[in-house]
Amino acid sequence: MAVRSATRTYPTLRAFLEDWHATLRLGALTLPRESIDGEPAHDMKIDLVLPLAGRVGPLTCQLIQRLPDGSTAFRVAEWPRNVTAAIDGVLASVDELRAWMLASGSLVEPGGASRDAALEEELAALRARVKELESRPARVVHVAAPAGDGGQGSGRILVDEDGNKVVERGLVIPDLDGVEPALSGVLGDRSLRDALMELALERATGLLTLRLPDGRIRWGIWQKGGPVGWRAEPIVEDEVFGILLFRASQITREQLEQSLTVMETNGTRQGEALIELGVLQFAQVVMLLQKQAEFVFQRIIREREGTWTFHLLEEVPERYVSPPLRVASLLFRALRSHVRDMPAEELANTLRPWLDKYVYFSEGAQRVLDEMKTNSEESGFFKILAATSYRLREMFSVSNMARSATAGMIWTLAELNLIEFRDTEAGSRGSERVARVLDDRLRAVVKGTLFEALDLHWICNTEEVEAAWKKLGTEFSPANTARWGEQNRETLTAIHAGMQRSYDRLKVDAKRREYRAEIMEKIMIEHSAELLAKKGDMAFMKENGREARDCFTKAVELMPRVSEYQTGLAKARAMR
């Protein structure tokens, strides 16, 4: 019988970080042979046991293939919120520790001018050989396009310039001469960005072509809304797979030269050659190919002169091992970064025409947002936007973000066409919104922890418990039928009773700490207190008394008997 559940245990923090940066963050999960006692099913539920966080899950995963070493590769189909929150917590702890080590002088940033000069000298000796090997003409798939089929013919023949059948290295580029593109535009305006978002929303498959003023041509193969491979004529040396790996110190010069020899001898691609040499594993190649695709994509969206076209295809001309890039997520991050530097007045002027309009997610936007990796604050904002039906000017008061951050988020989503503005609220929107909000709140009260019932982090203190109860107890009072409707009084009563039970236990220090110990691993509590104290020490170095007080208050909340934390809190309180 096929096994339908399993556990992936990371014995050390290093083991998790190596797997996270190599494959897991890209949605690829590998289970060692000993993790599955039997034949794996196509669809499986997999728990993760993480350092600092313990067991979380399950992840919904789909089988990709059994690997030669007996391990099994899966693709993560769904990231539950508790898993992403736990991973974010582990990574945040690592970042805080690294920041402390840098600040204390126990860690020094690597690199330097001498290393860069030596690297460029080595690269110069390799580029000529790599360029000659990688510059062979792309294979061309001639597509017969009968009238009326939209250019999606089924006949495909691989030929060289003389019409002879060939099999050559390089990305397969469909020959679409004479076929009208589905989309087109010029570089430098927002037409390409709008098109990329439309393709992501529609999960389109096809060929993107950029023609640049200097005669260069770039092709990108799109599959299910994102690029899986790139080609350039003439070739761009710094985008070649092997050169990128060498520059990033992923392979040595000798390994690069050996892979070139294998490529010349066997006619294989560089990733295959490196696997054959034992330099890289299959999972690593998948991750690195996606990094290469992302590197080229970032260059593509910065092009400002030339033209672009996109042809829709029923299927891609060959099989790609790496998953499509999440274009929406990459554009979202780029625009989020840009808006932070935008002058406040410019941002306000941009949003002003929409202030009295209702904000809605565009059709299909929620699916794209679900595929993006967002932090808890961003996810919380999306949840508010989906559940409420407010004018833009009202969003600033209900948002979980600061006013400036809310404005920046609205601008970013509008630039990506993920939201739209309407003059009126749909008749059913209000009742649907109320039903969603009450359902989410009831679920948190019934199935969540006592902390979640009051929208609190598990590292909270009495003051935060009192503030949460004051806000939510009033908002979801059974007497508040003016907002929620008389028909929802029974649901409100159940919600309010559940929150009352949570408040009664969490408002007492001893009971709150007792409950925390019931649901959290002891090592997680101790480690979190230690990191908070270290962050507080860094706040002392920056002479930031408020941050130091916040950190040591939480550290004492977690570990009240540790004198070091008590001393830190007293010192922080003494600061002006």
Protein backbone atom coordinates (compact mmCIF):
# COMPACT_ATOMS: atom_id res chain seq x y z
CA MET A 1 0.00 0.00 0.00
CA ALA A 2 1.29 3.46 -0.84
CA VAL A 3 2.47 5.63 2.05
CA ARG A 4 0.47 8.86 2.25
CA SER A 5 2.22 10.67 5.10
CA ALA A 6 5.80 11.14 6.23
CA THR A 7 8.07 13.34 8.32
CA ARG A 8 11.15 15.31 7.25
CA THR A 9 13.39 15.89 10.27
CA TYR A 10 16.25 18.38 10.24
CA PRO A 11 18.70 17.30 12.97
CA THR A 12 20.63 20.60 13.00
CA LEU A 13 20.04 24.22 12.11
CA ARG A 14 22.72 23.97 9.42
CA ALA A 15 20.97 20.99 7.81
CA PHE A 16 17.73 22.97 7.59
CA LEU A 17 19.39 26.13 6.24
CA GLU A 18 21.26 24.19 3.56
CA ASP A 19 18.07 22.46 2.43
CA TRP A 20 16.06 25.70 2.63
CA HIS A 21 18.45 27.69 0.44
CA ALA A 22 19.06 24.79 -1.94
CA THR A 23 15.55 23.58 -2.73
CA LEU A 24 12.87 23.93 -0.05
CA ARG A 25 12.27 27.68 -0.50
CA LEU A 26 11.66 26.98 -4.19
CA GLY A 27 8.96 24.44 -3.38
CA ALA A 28 11.10 21.30 -3.81
CA LEU A 29 11.29 18.89 -0.87
CA THR A 30 13.51 15.80 -0.78
CA LEU A 31 12.83 12.96 1.66
CA PRO A 32 15.76 10.66 2.55
CA ARG A 33 15.29 6.94 2.00
CA GLU A 34 14.75 6.27 5.71
CA SER A 35 11.91 8.84 5.94
CA ILE A 36 9.45 6.68 3.96
CA ASP A 37 8.70 3.13 5.02
CA GLY A 38 7.21 1.88 1.78
CA GLU A 39 6.20 3.19 -1.64
CA PRO A 40 5.33 6.92 -1.63
CA ALA A 41 1.93 8.02 -2.93
CA HIS A 42 1.58 10.65 -5.67
CA ASP A 43 0.00 13.06 -3.17
CA MET A 44 1.38 13.08 0.36
CA LYS A 45 1.08 14.97 3.64
CA ILE A 46 4.54 15.73 5.04
CA ASP A 47 5.36 17.17 8.47
CA LEU A 48 8.58 19.12 9.05
CA VAL A 49 10.55 18.93 12.29
CA LEU A 50 12.51 22.19 12.43
CA PRO A 51 15.27 23.31 14.78
CA LEU A 52 13.95 25.94 17.24
CA ALA A 53 10.34 25.43 16.11
CA GLY A 54 9.59 21.72 16.48
CA ARG A 55 7.02 19.81 14.40
CA VAL A 56 4.89 21.81 11.97
CA GLY A 57 2.67 20.89 9.05
CA PRO A 58 1.47 19.09 7.22
CA LEU A 59 2.65 20.22 3.78
CA THR A 60 0.62 18.99 0.82
CA CYS A 61 3.23 17.60 -1.61
CA GLN A 62 3.20 15.95 -5.04
CA LEU A 63 5.66 13.24 -6.07
CA ILE A 64 8.19 14.25 -8.74
CA GLN A 65 10.55 11.29 -8.94
CA ARG A 66 12.58 8.66 -7.08
CA LEU A 67 16.28 9.61 -7.11
CA PRO A 68 19.18 7.17 -7.63
CA ASP A 69 20.30 7.40 -3.96
CA GLY A 70 16.90 6.12 -2.81
CA SER A 71 15.54 9.51 -1.75
CA THR A 72 12.31 10.92 -3.15
CA ALA A 73 11.75 14.39 -4.62
CA PHE A 74 8.43 16.18 -4.06
CA ARG A 75 6.97 19.52 -5.09
CA VAL A 76 5.20 21.50 -2.37
CA ALA A 77 1.66 22.13 -3.57
CA GLU A 78 0.48 24.10 -0.54
CA TRP A 79 2.28 26.06 2.21
CA PRO A 80 0.11 26.16 5.36
CA ARG A 81 0.31 29.33 7.39
CA ASN A 82 1.73 27.58 10.46
CA VAL A 83 4.62 26.20 8.39
CA THR A 84 5.53 29.54 6.80
CA ALA A 85 5.28 31.25 10.19
CA ALA A 86 7.60 28.66 11.78
CA ILE A 87 10.13 28.94 8.95
CA ASP A 88 10.01 32.74 9.13
CA GLY A 89 10.68 32.47 12.85
CA VAL A 90 13.73 30.25 12.35
CA LEU A 91 15.14 32.50 9.62
CA ALA A 92 14.50 35.61 11.72
CA SER A 93 16.41 34.03 14.58
CA VAL A 94 19.34 33.33 12.27
CA ASP A 95 19.30 36.92 10.97
CA GLU A 96 19.23 38.32 14.49
CA LEU A 97 22.13 36.12 15.54
CA ARG A 98 24.14 37.14 12.48
CA ALA A 99 23.41 40.83 13.11
CA TRP A 100 24.57 40.47 16.70
CA MET A 101 27.77 38.70 15.63
CA LEU A 102 28.51 41.44 13.10
CA ALA A 103 27.83 44.15 15.66
CA SER A 104 29.99 42.45 18.28
CA GLY A 105 32.87 41.94 15.86
CA SER A 106 32.83 38.15 16.13
CA LEU A 107 31.85 37.88 12.47
CA VAL A 108 33.39 39.78 9.54
CA GLU A 109 31.79 40.13 6.10
CA PRO A 110 33.72 38.07 3.51
CA GLY A 111 35.02 39.39 0.23
CA GLY A 112 37.20 42.25 -0.82
CA ALA A 113 38.80 43.91 -3.80
CA SER A 114 41.64 41.37 -4.04
CA ARG A 115 39.20 38.49 -4.37
CA ASP A 116 37.19 40.32 -7.05
CA ALA A 117 40.33 41.02 -9.08
CA ALA A 118 41.47 37.39 -8.89
CA LEU A 119 37.99 36.20 -9.86
CA GLU A 120 37.84 38.44 -12.92
CA GLU A 121 41.28 37.21 -14.00
CA GLU A 122 40.14 33.61 -13.84
CA LEU A 123 36.90 34.41 -15.62
CA ALA A 124 38.72 36.06 -18.51
CA ALA A 125 40.58 32.82 -19.19
CA LEU A 126 37.33 30.80 -19.30
CA ARG A 127 34.92 33.09 -21.14
CA ALA A 128 36.30 32.45 -24.64
CA ARG A 129 35.89 28.69 -24.33
CA VAL A 130 32.46 28.92 -22.72
CA LYS A 131 31.24 31.40 -25.33
CA GLU A 132 32.36 29.16 -28.20
CA LEU A 133 30.60 26.15 -26.73
CA GLU A 134 27.39 27.92 -25.69
CA SER A 135 27.12 30.02 -28.88
CA ARG A 136 26.03 27.14 -31.08
CA PRO A 137 22.75 28.00 -32.80
CA ALA A 138 19.60 27.32 -30.85
CA ARG A 139 17.57 24.37 -32.00
CA VAL A 140 14.63 25.62 -34.02
CA VAL A 141 11.22 24.00 -33.91
CA HIS A 142 9.39 24.80 -37.13
CA VAL A 143 5.70 24.93 -36.33
CA ALA A 144 3.18 24.26 -39.04
CA ALA A 145 0.33 26.68 -38.42
CA PRO A 146 -2.82 25.80 -40.38
CA ALA A 147 -5.28 28.62 -40.86
CA GLY A 148 -7.66 29.07 -37.99
CA ASP A 149 -5.66 27.32 -35.29
CA GLY A 150 -4.18 30.50 -33.85
CA GLY A 151 -0.65 29.48 -34.75
CA GLN A 152 -0.75 26.35 -32.61
CA GLY A 153 0.07 23.73 -35.20
CA SER A 154 1.10 20.24 -34.20
CA GLY A 155 3.81 19.43 -36.77
CA ARG A 156 7.36 19.90 -35.40
CA ILE A 157 10.65 19.18 -37.16
CA LEU A 158 14.15 19.95 -35.86
CA VAL A 159 16.26 21.17 -38.80
CA ASP A 160 19.47 23.07 -39.48
CA GLU A 161 19.92 25.94 -41.95
CA ASP A 162 20.05 23.49 -44.88
CA GLY A 163 16.87 21.71 -43.88
CA ASN A 164 18.60 18.66 -42.39
CA LYS A 165 17.31 17.13 -39.18
CA VAL A 166 19.65 17.84 -36.26
CA VAL A 167 19.81 17.55 -32.50
CA GLU A 168 21.92 20.35 -31.03
CA ARG A 169 22.46 21.84 -27.60
CA GLY A 170 20.70 24.99 -26.50
CA LEU A 171 17.20 26.11 -25.62
CA VAL A 172 14.57 25.03 -28.13
CA ILE A 173 13.03 28.14 -29.71
CA PRO A 174 9.71 27.68 -31.58
CA ASP A 175 9.81 29.19 -35.06
CA LEU A 176 6.78 31.49 -35.15
CA ASP A 177 7.60 33.57 -38.23
CA GLY A 178 4.38 34.85 -39.75
CA VAL A 179 2.33 34.05 -36.65
CA GLU A 180 0.75 37.10 -35.01
CA PRO A 181 1.64 37.54 -31.34
CA ALA A 182 -1.07 37.57 -28.70
CA LEU A 183 0.57 40.55 -26.97
CA SER A 184 3.18 43.12 -28.00
CA GLY A 185 4.62 46.46 -26.98
CA VAL A 186 7.70 48.59 -26.54
CA LEU A 187 10.22 48.46 -23.71
CA GLY A 188 10.47 51.40 -21.36
CA ASP A 189 6.75 51.82 -20.57
CA ARG A 190 4.64 49.62 -18.30
CA SER A 191 3.23 47.48 -21.12
CA LEU A 192 5.59 44.56 -20.51
CA ARG A 193 4.99 44.59 -16.76
CA ASP A 194 1.22 44.63 -17.28
CA ALA A 195 1.55 41.78 -19.75
CA LEU A 196 3.67 39.72 -17.35
CA MET A 197 1.03 40.10 -14.64
CA GLU A 198 -1.72 39.15 -17.08
CA LEU A 199 0.25 36.05 -18.08
CA ALA A 200 0.75 35.16 -14.42
CA LEU A 201 -2.97 35.57 -13.67
CA GLU A 202 -3.91 33.42 -16.66
CA ARG A 203 -1.07 30.92 -16.05
CA ALA A 204 -0.18 31.28 -19.72
CA THR A 205 2.32 29.19 -21.71
CA GLY A 206 4.24 30.64 -24.63
CA LEU A 207 7.29 32.46 -25.97
CA LEU A 208 8.43 35.97 -24.98
CA THR A 209 10.70 37.66 -27.53
CA LEU A 210 12.66 40.88 -26.96
CA ARG A 211 14.37 42.64 -29.87
CA LEU A 212 16.90 45.22 -28.75
CA PRO A 213 18.34 48.20 -30.69
CA ASP A 214 21.85 46.71 -30.88
CA GLY A 215 20.54 43.66 -32.73
CA ARG A 216 20.40 41.34 -29.72
CA ILE A 217 17.43 39.00 -29.39
CA ARG A 218 16.25 37.46 -26.13
CA TRP A 219 13.78 34.61 -25.83
CA GLY A 220 11.99 33.39 -22.74
CA ILE A 221 9.97 30.18 -22.55
CA TRP A 222 6.87 30.68 -20.36
CA GLN A 223 5.06 27.81 -18.67
CA LYS A 224 2.01 28.20 -16.45
CA GLY A 225 2.57 31.90 -15.99
CA GLY A 226 6.33 32.15 -15.51
CA PRO A 227 9.66 31.68 -17.34
CA VAL A 228 11.44 28.33 -17.18
CA GLY A 229 14.34 29.10 -19.54
CA TRP A 230 16.09 31.87 -21.50
CA ARG A 231 18.13 32.19 -24.68
CA ALA A 232 20.07 35.14 -26.11
CA GLU A 233 21.66 35.72 -29.52
CA PRO A 234 24.47 36.59 -29.40
CA ILE A 235 25.11 34.82 -26.13
CA VAL A 236 25.64 36.84 -22.93
CA GLU A 237 28.67 35.23 -21.26
CA ASP A 238 27.82 36.32 -17.70
CA GLU A 239 24.43 34.60 -17.94
CA VAL A 240 25.86 31.19 -18.83
CA PHE A 241 25.08 28.56 -16.19
CA GLY A 242 28.69 27.57 -15.53
CA ILE A 243 29.98 31.14 -15.33
CA LEU A 244 27.27 32.06 -12.83
CA LEU A 245 28.19 29.09 -10.65
CA PHE A 246 31.87 29.92 -10.82
CA ARG A 247 31.31 33.59 -9.93
CA ALA A 248 29.19 32.50 -6.96
CA SER A 249 31.95 30.08 -5.83
CA GLN A 250 29.60 27.14 -6.29
CA ILE A 251 32.14 25.31 -8.48
CA THR A 252 35.89 25.59 -8.99
CA ARG A 253 37.71 26.50 -12.19
CA GLU A 254 38.81 22.89 -12.58
CA GLN A 255 35.21 21.64 -12.23
CA LEU A 256 34.03 24.18 -14.79
CA GLU A 257 36.70 23.08 -17.28
CA GLN A 258 35.85 19.41 -16.67
CA SER A 259 32.17 20.10 -17.32
CA LEU A 260 33.03 21.83 -20.60
CA THR A 261 34.98 18.77 -21.68
CA VAL A 262 32.03 16.50 -20.88
CA MET A 263 29.70 18.83 -22.76
CA GLU A 264 31.91 18.73 -25.86
CA THR A 265 32.32 14.96 -25.69
CA ASN A 266 28.74 13.92 -24.90
CA GLY A 267 26.72 16.83 -26.26
CA THR A 268 25.05 17.34 -22.91
CA ARG A 269 24.06 20.55 -21.18
CA GLN A 270 26.16 21.95 -18.38
CA GLY A 271 23.82 20.95 -15.56
CA GLU A 272 23.80 17.37 -16.83
CA ALA A 273 27.59 17.43 -17.13
CA LEU A 274 28.03 18.62 -13.54
CA ILE A 275 25.69 15.89 -12.29
CA GLU A 276 27.62 13.28 -14.31
CA LEU A 277 30.86 14.51 -12.73
CA GLY A 278 29.33 14.26 -9.25
CA VAL A 279 29.87 17.98 -8.64
CA LEU A 280 26.17 18.71 -8.17
CA GLN A 281 23.08 16.70 -7.28
CA PHE A 282 19.87 16.82 -9.27
CA ALA A 283 18.05 18.88 -6.63
CA GLN A 284 20.89 21.43 -6.63
CA VAL A 285 20.73 21.79 -10.40
CA VAL A 286 16.98 22.43 -10.21
CA MET A 287 17.53 25.20 -7.68
CA LEU A 288 20.46 26.74 -9.57
CA LEU A 289 18.62 26.70 -12.90
CA GLN A 290 15.82 28.65 -11.27
CA LYS A 291 18.32 31.12 -9.82
CA GLN A 292 19.77 31.53 -13.30
CA ALA A 293 16.28 32.15 -14.72
CA GLU A 294 15.61 34.73 -12.01
CA PHE A 295 18.95 36.46 -12.67
CA VAL A 296 18.11 36.86 -16.36
CA PHE A 297 14.53 37.91 -15.60
CA GLN A 298 15.77 40.77 -13.41
CA ARG A 299 17.86 42.00 -16.34
CA ILE A 300 14.96 41.66 -18.75
CA ILE A 301 12.61 43.89 -16.77
CA ARG A 302 15.27 46.61 -16.61
CA GLU A 303 15.56 46.89 -20.41
CA ARG A 304 14.30 50.30 -21.57
CA GLU A 305 14.75 50.28 -25.36
CA GLY A 306 13.43 47.84 -27.95
CA THR A 307 10.23 45.89 -28.59
CA TRP A 308 8.65 42.77 -27.15
CA THR A 309 6.10 40.18 -28.30
CA PHE A 310 4.45 37.19 -26.67
CA HIS A 311 3.10 34.19 -28.59
CA LEU A 312 0.76 31.79 -26.83
CA LEU A 313 1.60 28.08 -27.12
CA GLU A 314 -0.42 25.02 -26.22
CA GLU A 315 2.71 23.42 -24.79
CA VAL A 316 6.41 24.15 -24.42
CA PRO A 317 8.75 22.59 -27.02
CA GLU A 318 10.71 20.55 -24.46
CA ARG A 319 10.56 19.45 -20.83
CA TYR A 320 12.09 21.64 -18.12
CA VAL A 321 13.09 20.34 -14.70
CA SER A 322 12.88 23.66 -12.85
CA PRO A 323 9.46 25.08 -11.95
CA PRO A 324 8.30 28.39 -13.47
CA LEU A 325 9.46 31.55 -11.74
CA ARG A 326 6.81 33.29 -9.68
CA VAL A 327 6.76 36.46 -11.74
CA ALA A 328 4.13 38.18 -9.63
CA SER A 329 6.20 37.67 -6.49
CA LEU A 330 9.36 39.08 -8.11
CA LEU A 331 7.53 42.16 -9.42
CA PHE A 332 5.80 42.60 -6.08
CA ARG A 333 9.13 42.68 -4.24
CA ALA A 334 10.67 45.08 -6.75
CA LEU A 335 7.77 47.53 -6.50
CA ARG A 336 7.58 47.24 -2.70
CA SER A 337 11.23 48.25 -2.59
CA HIS A 338 10.67 51.11 -5.04
CA VAL A 339 7.70 52.63 -3.22
CA ARG A 340 9.66 52.85 0.04
CA ASP A 341 11.90 55.41 -1.65
CA MET A 342 9.03 57.32 -3.26
CA PRO A 343 8.45 60.84 -1.86
CA ALA A 344 5.42 60.88 0.45
CA GLU A 345 3.78 63.71 -1.49
CA GLU A 346 4.14 61.87 -4.81
CA LEU A 347 2.58 58.73 -3.31
CA ALA A 348 -0.29 60.71 -1.78
CA ASN A 349 -1.01 62.45 -5.10
CA THR A 350 -1.11 59.09 -6.87
CA LEU A 351 -3.68 57.65 -4.46
CA ARG A 352 -5.82 60.79 -4.06
CA PRO A 353 -8.21 60.09 -7.02
CA TRP A 354 -9.14 56.73 -5.45
CA LEU A 355 -9.76 57.82 -1.86
CA ASP A 356 -13.57 57.66 -2.07
CA LYS A 357 -13.71 54.47 -4.15
CA TYR A 358 -14.17 50.93 -2.85
CA VAL A 359 -11.12 48.66 -3.05
CA TYR A 360 -11.49 45.16 -4.53
CA PHE A 361 -9.13 42.41 -5.51
CA SER A 362 -9.13 41.90 -9.28
CA GLU A 363 -10.45 38.64 -10.70
CA GLY A 364 -7.84 35.92 -10.29
CA ALA A 365 -5.66 38.05 -8.01
CA GLN A 366 -6.22 35.91 -4.93
CA ARG A 367 -4.76 32.85 -6.65
CA VAL A 368 -1.60 34.79 -7.53
CA LEU A 369 -1.30 36.17 -3.99
CA ASP A 370 -1.68 32.68 -2.53
CA GLU A 371 1.35 31.56 -4.57
CA MET A 372 3.51 34.44 -3.39
CA LYS A 373 5.71 34.09 -0.33
CA THR A 374 4.68 36.94 1.93
CA ASN A 375 5.45 37.81 5.52
CA SER A 376 2.81 37.72 8.25
CA GLU A 377 2.13 41.46 8.03
CA GLU A 378 1.53 41.33 4.27
CA SER A 379 -0.66 38.23 4.57
CA GLY A 380 -2.66 39.97 7.29
CA PHE A 381 -3.23 42.96 5.05
CA PHE A 382 -4.41 40.77 2.17
CA LYS A 383 -6.82 39.06 4.54
CA ILE A 384 -8.26 42.41 5.63
CA LEU A 385 -8.60 43.59 2.05
CA ALA A 386 -10.38 40.40 1.01
CA ALA A 387 -12.71 40.39 4.00
CA THR A 388 -13.70 44.03 4.17
CA SER A 389 -15.55 46.35 1.85
CA TYR A 390 -14.26 49.82 2.61
CA ARG A 391 -13.38 52.93 0.67
CA LEU A 392 -9.68 53.54 0.27
CA ARG A 393 -9.67 56.38 2.82
CA GLU A 394 -11.19 53.96 5.36
CA MET A 395 -8.55 51.31 4.69
CA PHE A 396 -5.96 53.34 6.58
CA SER A 397 -7.93 52.96 9.83
CA VAL A 398 -8.58 49.20 9.51
CA SER A 399 -5.18 48.23 8.11
CA ASN A 400 -2.73 46.23 10.22
CA MET A 401 0.08 48.39 8.81
CA ALA A 402 1.22 51.92 9.46
CA ARG A 403 -0.37 54.57 7.25
CA SER A 404 2.68 55.00 5.02
CA ALA A 405 3.10 51.23 4.63
CA THR A 406 -0.61 50.87 3.80
CA ALA A 407 -0.32 53.55 1.11
CA GLY A 408 2.73 51.82 -0.34
CA MET A 409 0.97 48.45 -0.39
CA ILE A 410 -2.11 49.86 -2.14
CA TRP A 411 0.11 51.56 -4.74
CA THR A 412 2.04 48.32 -5.34
CA LEU A 413 -1.09 46.20 -5.79
CA ALA A 414 -2.59 48.82 -8.12
CA GLU A 415 0.59 48.93 -10.21
CA LEU A 416 0.37 45.14 -10.59
CA ASN A 417 -3.35 45.30 -11.50
CA LEU A 418 -4.14 43.04 -8.54
CA ILE A 419 -6.73 45.47 -7.17
CA GLU A 420 -9.37 47.69 -8.72
CA PHE A 421 -11.40 50.64 -7.51
CA ARG A 422 -15.19 50.86 -7.84
CA ASP A 423 -17.68 53.63 -7.17
CA THR A 424 -20.15 51.45 -5.27
CA GLU A 425 -20.15 48.40 -3.06
CA ALA A 426 -21.74 45.30 -4.56
CA GLY A 427 -25.03 44.43 -2.88
CA SER A 428 -23.87 41.02 -1.69
CA ARG A 429 -20.38 42.15 -0.72
CA GLY A 430 -21.36 43.49 2.68
CA SER A 431 -23.16 40.34 3.85
CA GLU A 432 -20.41 38.11 2.42
CA ARG A 433 -17.80 40.18 4.20
CA VAL A 434 -19.60 39.88 7.54
CA ALA A 435 -19.97 36.12 7.10
CA ARG A 436 -16.25 35.69 6.31
CA VAL A 437 -15.09 37.81 9.23
CA LEU A 438 -17.32 36.02 11.74
CA ASP A 439 -16.39 32.61 10.33
CA ASP A 440 -12.66 33.38 10.61
CA ARG A 441 -13.06 34.73 14.13
CA LEU A 442 -15.12 31.71 15.27
CA ARG A 443 -12.57 29.33 13.75
CA ALA A 444 -9.75 31.09 15.63
CA VAL A 445 -11.69 30.82 18.89
CA VAL A 446 -12.71 27.18 18.46
CA LYS A 447 -9.66 25.64 16.76
CA GLY A 448 -6.84 28.07 17.54
CA THR A 449 -4.76 28.57 20.65
CA LEU A 450 -5.85 30.91 23.42
CA PHE A 451 -3.40 33.44 21.99
CA GLU A 452 -4.90 33.16 18.50
CA ALA A 453 -8.40 33.60 19.93
CA LEU A 454 -7.36 37.14 20.90
CA ASP A 455 -5.11 37.78 17.86
CA LEU A 456 -2.04 37.71 20.10
CA HIS A 457 1.49 36.44 19.53
CA TRP A 458 2.45 33.66 21.91
CA ILE A 459 5.15 35.99 23.30
CA CYS A 460 2.72 38.52 24.80
CA ASN A 461 2.41 40.15 28.20
CA THR A 462 -0.46 41.28 30.42
CA GLU A 463 -0.63 44.75 28.87
CA GLU A 464 -1.07 43.29 25.39
CA VAL A 465 -3.70 40.83 26.63
CA GLU A 466 -5.71 43.66 28.19
CA ALA A 467 -5.49 45.76 25.01
CA ALA A 468 -6.58 42.85 22.81
CA TRP A 469 -9.56 42.03 25.04
CA LYS A 470 -10.63 45.66 25.19
CA LYS A 471 -10.62 45.90 21.39
CA LEU A 472 -12.00 42.49 20.37
CA GLY A 473 -14.36 42.06 23.32
CA THR A 474 -16.15 45.24 22.29
CA GLU A 475 -15.97 44.60 18.56
CA PHE A 476 -17.48 41.10 18.79
CA SER A 477 -19.89 41.74 21.66
CA PRO A 478 -23.33 40.06 21.22
CA ALA A 479 -24.78 43.54 21.72
CA ASN A 480 -22.98 44.86 18.62
CA THR A 481 -25.72 43.73 16.23
CA ALA A 482 -25.78 47.17 14.63
CA ARG A 483 -22.56 46.18 12.86
CA TRP A 484 -22.95 42.42 12.49
CA GLY A 485 -26.73 42.03 12.17
CA GLU A 486 -29.32 40.56 14.50
CA GLN A 487 -29.20 37.26 12.62
CA ASN A 488 -25.59 36.78 13.79
CA ARG A 489 -26.22 37.25 17.54
CA GLU A 490 -25.82 33.54 18.28
CA THR A 491 -22.46 33.41 16.46
CA LEU A 492 -21.32 36.55 18.28
CA THR A 493 -22.26 34.98 21.61
CA ALA A 494 -20.11 31.92 20.85
CA ILE A 495 -17.18 34.08 19.73
CA HIS A 496 -17.40 36.36 22.74
CA ALA A 497 -17.60 33.44 25.16
CA GLY A 498 -14.50 31.83 23.64
CA MET A 499 -12.54 35.08 23.82
CA GLN A 500 -13.69 35.56 27.43
CA ARG A 501 -12.27 32.14 28.34
CA SER A 502 -8.97 33.03 26.67
CA TYR A 503 -8.82 36.39 28.42
CA ASP A 504 -9.58 34.93 31.85
CA ARG A 505 -6.58 32.62 31.66
CA LEU A 506 -4.10 34.81 29.77
CA LYS A 507 -4.57 37.93 31.90
CA VAL A 508 -2.93 36.19 34.88
CA ASP A 509 0.86 36.00 34.57
CA ALA A 510 1.27 32.56 36.11
CA LYS A 511 -1.61 31.02 34.14
CA ARG A 512 -0.40 32.58 30.89
CA ARG A 513 3.10 31.19 31.34
CA GLU A 514 1.70 27.81 32.34
CA TYR A 515 -0.40 27.68 29.16
CA ARG A 516 2.53 28.80 27.02
CA ALA A 517 4.60 25.93 28.37
CA GLU A 518 1.79 23.52 27.41
CA ILE A 519 1.77 24.47 23.73
CA MET A 520 5.39 25.48 23.05
CA GLU A 521 8.58 23.47 23.30
CA LYS A 522 10.76 24.48 26.24
CA ILE A 523 13.77 24.95 23.97
CA MET A 524 11.77 27.33 21.76
CA ILE A 525 10.79 29.47 24.76
CA GLU A 526 14.36 29.57 26.07
CA HIS A 527 15.86 30.31 22.66
CA SER A 528 13.35 33.08 21.95
CA ALA A 529 14.13 34.72 25.30
CA GLU A 530 17.85 34.50 24.57
CA LEU A 531 17.44 36.11 21.13
CA LEU A 532 15.26 38.87 22.57
CA ALA A 533 17.92 39.61 25.17
CA LYS A 534 20.61 39.75 22.50
CA LYS A 535 18.45 42.08 20.46
CA GLY A 536 18.02 44.19 23.61
CA ASP A 537 21.81 44.33 24.04
CA MET A 538 22.11 45.56 20.46
CA ALA A 539 19.52 48.23 21.26
CA PHE A 540 21.76 49.37 24.14
CA MET A 541 24.62 49.73 21.67
CA LYS A 542 22.38 51.89 19.48
CA GLU A 543 21.19 53.81 22.57
CA ASN A 544 17.60 52.90 21.71
CA GLY A 545 15.96 52.67 25.14
CA ARG A 546 12.46 51.96 23.85
CA GLU A 547 13.56 48.97 21.79
CA ALA A 548 15.67 47.69 24.67
CA ARG A 549 12.67 47.90 27.05
CA ASP A 550 10.45 46.05 24.58
CA CYS A 551 13.00 43.27 24.10
CA PHE A 552 13.81 42.71 27.78
CA THR A 553 10.14 42.95 28.76
CA LYS A 554 9.42 40.04 26.44
CA ALA A 555 12.52 38.14 27.58
CA VAL A 556 11.38 38.44 31.21
CA GLU A 557 7.87 37.42 30.17
CA LEU A 558 9.29 34.17 28.80
CA MET A 559 11.92 33.50 31.47
CA PRO A 560 11.05 35.54 34.59
CA ARG A 561 13.59 33.82 36.83
CA VAL A 562 16.65 34.61 34.74
CA SER A 563 18.44 37.40 36.60
CA GLU A 564 20.32 38.52 33.49
CA TYR A 565 17.03 39.44 31.79
CA GLN A 566 15.73 41.19 34.90
CA THR A 567 18.94 43.25 35.06
CA GLY A 568 18.62 44.15 31.38
CA LEU A 569 15.02 45.30 31.88
CA ALA A 570 16.01 47.47 34.85
CA LYS A 571 18.81 49.02 32.83
CA ALA A 572 16.47 49.68 29.89
CA ARG A 573 13.87 51.32 32.13
CA ALA A 574 16.57 53.61 33.54
CA MET A 575 17.41 54.92 30.06
CA ARG A 576 15.75 58.13 28.93
